[in-house]
Amino acid sequence: PFSWIDSPIVLSCGAMAPTMSVEDLTAEYGQMIDKMRKTFDTGKTRNLSWRKQQLRQLIKMYQENHEEITTTINADMGGTKMRAMGEIAPVTSADDCLTNIDEWS
């Protein structure tokens, strides 16, 4: 399993239980958003090295878990492995952001 140290974001590669109600999901995501806003409000996210580390961790998470992620996507939505790979294409964006973040800042 993957864990970001000192990060407000919690990711899981497991399938979501189909019994979760809209209210439960709203509460769960509300807590996650509150934690993310608190982190943002500290000014921590303005630090370029913090942003780079978050991007590196996102890329690392994908590299270490891509098989489990694609298997889970296929189980949830069906289709081929290529479809699942398309669903997680944002990791390519993270790589691009890491390459260009100094120029963009």
C-alpha atoms as a PDB file:
ATOM      1  CA  PRO A   1       0.000   0.000   0.000  1.00  0.00           C
ATOM      2  CA  PHE A   2       1.049   3.567  -0.687  1.00  0.00           C
ATOM      3  CA  SER A   3       0.949   6.415   1.784  1.00  0.00           C
ATOM      4  CA  TRP A   4       1.885  10.062   1.415  1.00  0.00           C
ATOM      5  CA  ILE A   5       3.642  11.362   4.479  1.00  0.00           C
ATOM      6  CA  ASP A   6       2.176  14.633   5.694  1.00  0.00           C
ATOM      7  CA  SER A   7      -0.249  14.879   2.786  1.00  0.00           C
ATOM      8  CA  PRO A   8      -3.914  15.823   2.933  1.00  0.00           C
ATOM      9  CA  ILE A   9      -4.728  13.482   0.084  1.00  0.00           C
ATOM     10  CA  VAL A  10      -5.773   9.918   0.762  1.00  0.00           C
ATOM     11  CA  LEU A  11      -5.843   7.530  -2.165  1.00  0.00           C
ATOM     12  CA  SER A  12      -6.993   3.949  -2.292  1.00  0.00           C
ATOM     13  CA  CYS A  13      -6.658   1.413  -5.058  1.00  0.00           C
ATOM     14  CA  GLY A  14      -9.445  -0.745  -3.652  1.00  0.00           C
ATOM     15  CA  ALA A  15     -12.972  -0.766  -5.023  1.00  0.00           C
ATOM     16  CA  MET A  16     -15.533   1.341  -3.193  1.00  0.00           C
ATOM     17  CA  ALA A  17     -18.189  -0.611  -1.341  1.00  0.00           C
ATOM     18  CA  PRO A  18     -21.461  -0.376  -3.287  1.00  0.00           C
ATOM     19  CA  THR A  19     -23.395   0.084  -0.042  1.00  0.00           C
ATOM     20  CA  MET A  20     -22.080   3.583   0.675  1.00  0.00           C
ATOM     21  CA  SER A  21     -24.867   6.111   0.609  1.00  0.00           C
ATOM     22  CA  VAL A  22     -24.655   9.531  -0.969  1.00  0.00           C
ATOM     23  CA  GLU A  23     -24.699  10.995   2.523  1.00  0.00           C
ATOM     24  CA  ASP A  24     -21.756   8.809   3.609  1.00  0.00           C
ATOM     25  CA  LEU A  25     -19.777   9.734   0.514  1.00  0.00           C
ATOM     26  CA  THR A  26     -20.558  13.422   0.987  1.00  0.00           C
ATOM     27  CA  ALA A  27     -19.355  13.264   4.599  1.00  0.00           C
ATOM     28  CA  GLU A  28     -16.199  11.360   3.642  1.00  0.00           C
ATOM     29  CA  TYR A  29     -15.287  13.740   0.824  1.00  0.00           C
ATOM     30  CA  GLY A  30     -16.240  16.738   2.962  1.00  0.00           C
ATOM     31  CA  GLN A  31     -13.682  15.673   5.567  1.00  0.00           C
ATOM     32  CA  MET A  32     -11.046  15.178   2.891  1.00  0.00           C
ATOM     33  CA  ILE A  33     -11.748  18.615   1.390  1.00  0.00           C
ATOM     34  CA  ASP A  34     -11.641  20.255   4.833  1.00  0.00           C
ATOM     35  CA  LYS A  35      -8.229  18.710   5.493  1.00  0.00           C
ATOM     36  CA  MET A  36      -6.958  19.827   2.092  1.00  0.00           C
ATOM     37  CA  ARG A  37      -8.203  23.386   2.676  1.00  0.00           C
ATOM     38  CA  LYS A  38      -6.522  23.519   6.075  1.00  0.00           C
ATOM     39  CA  THR A  39      -3.246  22.465   4.483  1.00  0.00           C
ATOM     40  CA  PHE A  40      -3.675  25.079   1.741  1.00  0.00           C
ATOM     41  CA  ASP A  41      -4.484  27.793   4.293  1.00  0.00           C
ATOM     42  CA  THR A  42      -1.149  27.181   6.070  1.00  0.00           C
ATOM     43  CA  GLY A  43       0.674  28.378   2.943  1.00  0.00           C
ATOM     44  CA  LYS A  44       2.516  25.073   2.729  1.00  0.00           C
ATOM     45  CA  THR A  45       1.403  24.478  -0.863  1.00  0.00           C
ATOM     46  CA  ARG A  46       3.077  27.681  -2.080  1.00  0.00           C
ATOM     47  CA  ASN A  47       6.474  26.107  -1.541  1.00  0.00           C
ATOM     48  CA  LEU A  48       7.792  24.841  -4.862  1.00  0.00           C
ATOM     49  CA  SER A  49       9.746  21.977  -3.309  1.00  0.00           C
ATOM     50  CA  TRP A  50       6.541  20.766  -1.593  1.00  0.00           C
ATOM     51  CA  ARG A  51       4.716  20.779  -4.939  1.00  0.00           C
ATOM     52  CA  LYS A  52       7.537  18.878  -6.626  1.00  0.00           C
ATOM     53  CA  GLN A  53       7.511  16.281  -3.852  1.00  0.00           C
ATOM     54  CA  GLN A  54       3.749  15.803  -4.258  1.00  0.00           C
ATOM     55  CA  LEU A  55       4.178  15.276  -8.003  1.00  0.00           C
ATOM     56  CA  ARG A  56       7.037  12.804  -7.414  1.00  0.00           C
ATOM     57  CA  GLN A  57       4.898  10.899  -4.932  1.00  0.00           C
ATOM     58  CA  LEU A  58       1.969  10.763  -7.378  1.00  0.00           C
ATOM     59  CA  ILE A  59       4.242   9.369 -10.081  1.00  0.00           C
ATOM     60  CA  LYS A  60       5.772   6.892  -7.621  1.00  0.00           C
ATOM     61  CA  MET A  61       2.329   5.738  -6.488  1.00  0.00           C
ATOM     62  CA  TYR A  62       1.376   5.025 -10.083  1.00  0.00           C
ATOM     63  CA  GLN A  63       4.634   3.217 -10.848  1.00  0.00           C
ATOM     64  CA  GLU A  64       4.317   1.015  -7.768  1.00  0.00           C
ATOM     65  CA  ASN A  65       0.588   0.305  -8.122  1.00  0.00           C
ATOM     66  CA  HIS A  66      -0.320   0.541 -11.818  1.00  0.00           C
ATOM     67  CA  GLU A  67      -1.222  -3.157 -12.110  1.00  0.00           C
ATOM     68  CA  GLU A  68      -3.575  -3.010  -9.124  1.00  0.00           C
ATOM     69  CA  ILE A  69      -5.063   0.276 -10.319  1.00  0.00           C
ATOM     70  CA  THR A  70      -5.768  -1.021 -13.827  1.00  0.00           C
ATOM     71  CA  THR A  71      -7.172  -4.293 -12.468  1.00  0.00           C
ATOM     72  CA  THR A  72      -9.513  -2.359 -10.180  1.00  0.00           C
ATOM     73  CA  ILE A  73     -10.638  -0.035 -12.976  1.00  0.00           C
ATOM     74  CA  ASN A  74     -11.296  -3.038 -15.211  1.00  0.00           C
ATOM     75  CA  ALA A  75     -13.305  -4.732 -12.439  1.00  0.00           C
ATOM     76  CA  ASP A  76     -15.353  -1.568 -11.872  1.00  0.00           C
ATOM     77  CA  MET A  77     -15.890  -0.463 -15.484  1.00  0.00           C
ATOM     78  CA  GLY A  78     -14.990  -3.415 -17.674  1.00  0.00           C
ATOM     79  CA  GLY A  79     -13.051  -3.173 -20.878  1.00  0.00           C
ATOM     80  CA  THR A  80      -9.456  -3.809 -21.806  1.00  0.00           C
ATOM     81  CA  LYS A  81      -6.273  -2.918 -19.991  1.00  0.00           C
ATOM     82  CA  MET A  82      -5.779  -0.107 -22.523  1.00  0.00           C
ATOM     83  CA  ARG A  83      -9.047   1.484 -21.392  1.00  0.00           C
ATOM     84  CA  ALA A  84      -7.908   1.342 -17.789  1.00  0.00           C
ATOM     85  CA  MET A  85      -4.579   2.885 -18.745  1.00  0.00           C
ATOM     86  CA  GLY A  86      -6.491   5.743 -20.384  1.00  0.00           C
ATOM     87  CA  GLU A  87      -8.408   6.318 -17.173  1.00  0.00           C
ATOM     88  CA  ILE A  88      -5.166   6.900 -15.273  1.00  0.00           C
ATOM     89  CA  ALA A  89      -3.505   9.029 -17.954  1.00  0.00           C
ATOM     90  CA  PRO A  90      -3.270  12.025 -15.568  1.00  0.00           C
ATOM     91  CA  VAL A  91      -0.021  10.554 -14.245  1.00  0.00           C
ATOM     92  CA  THR A  92       1.476  11.662 -17.579  1.00  0.00           C
ATOM     93  CA  SER A  93       0.294  15.164 -16.721  1.00  0.00           C
ATOM     94  CA  ALA A  94       2.030  14.922 -13.350  1.00  0.00           C
ATOM     95  CA  ASP A  95       5.243  13.976 -15.136  1.00  0.00           C
ATOM     96  CA  ASP A  96       4.823  16.940 -17.501  1.00  0.00           C
ATOM     97  CA  CYS A  97       4.133  19.278 -14.574  1.00  0.00           C
ATOM     98  CA  LEU A  98       7.250  18.088 -12.775  1.00  0.00           C
ATOM     99  CA  THR A  99       9.307  18.718 -15.909  1.00  0.00           C
ATOM    100  CA  ASN A 100       7.929  22.247 -16.387  1.00  0.00           C
ATOM    101  CA  ILE A 101       7.114  23.501 -12.871  1.00  0.00           C
ATOM    102  CA  ASP A 102      10.242  25.654 -12.570  1.00  0.00           C
ATOM    103  CA  GLU A 103       9.463  27.423 -15.832  1.00  0.00           C
ATOM    104  CA  TRP A 104       5.797  27.893 -14.877  1.00  0.00           C
ATOM    105  CA  SER A 105       6.570  29.329 -11.447  1.00  0.00           C
END
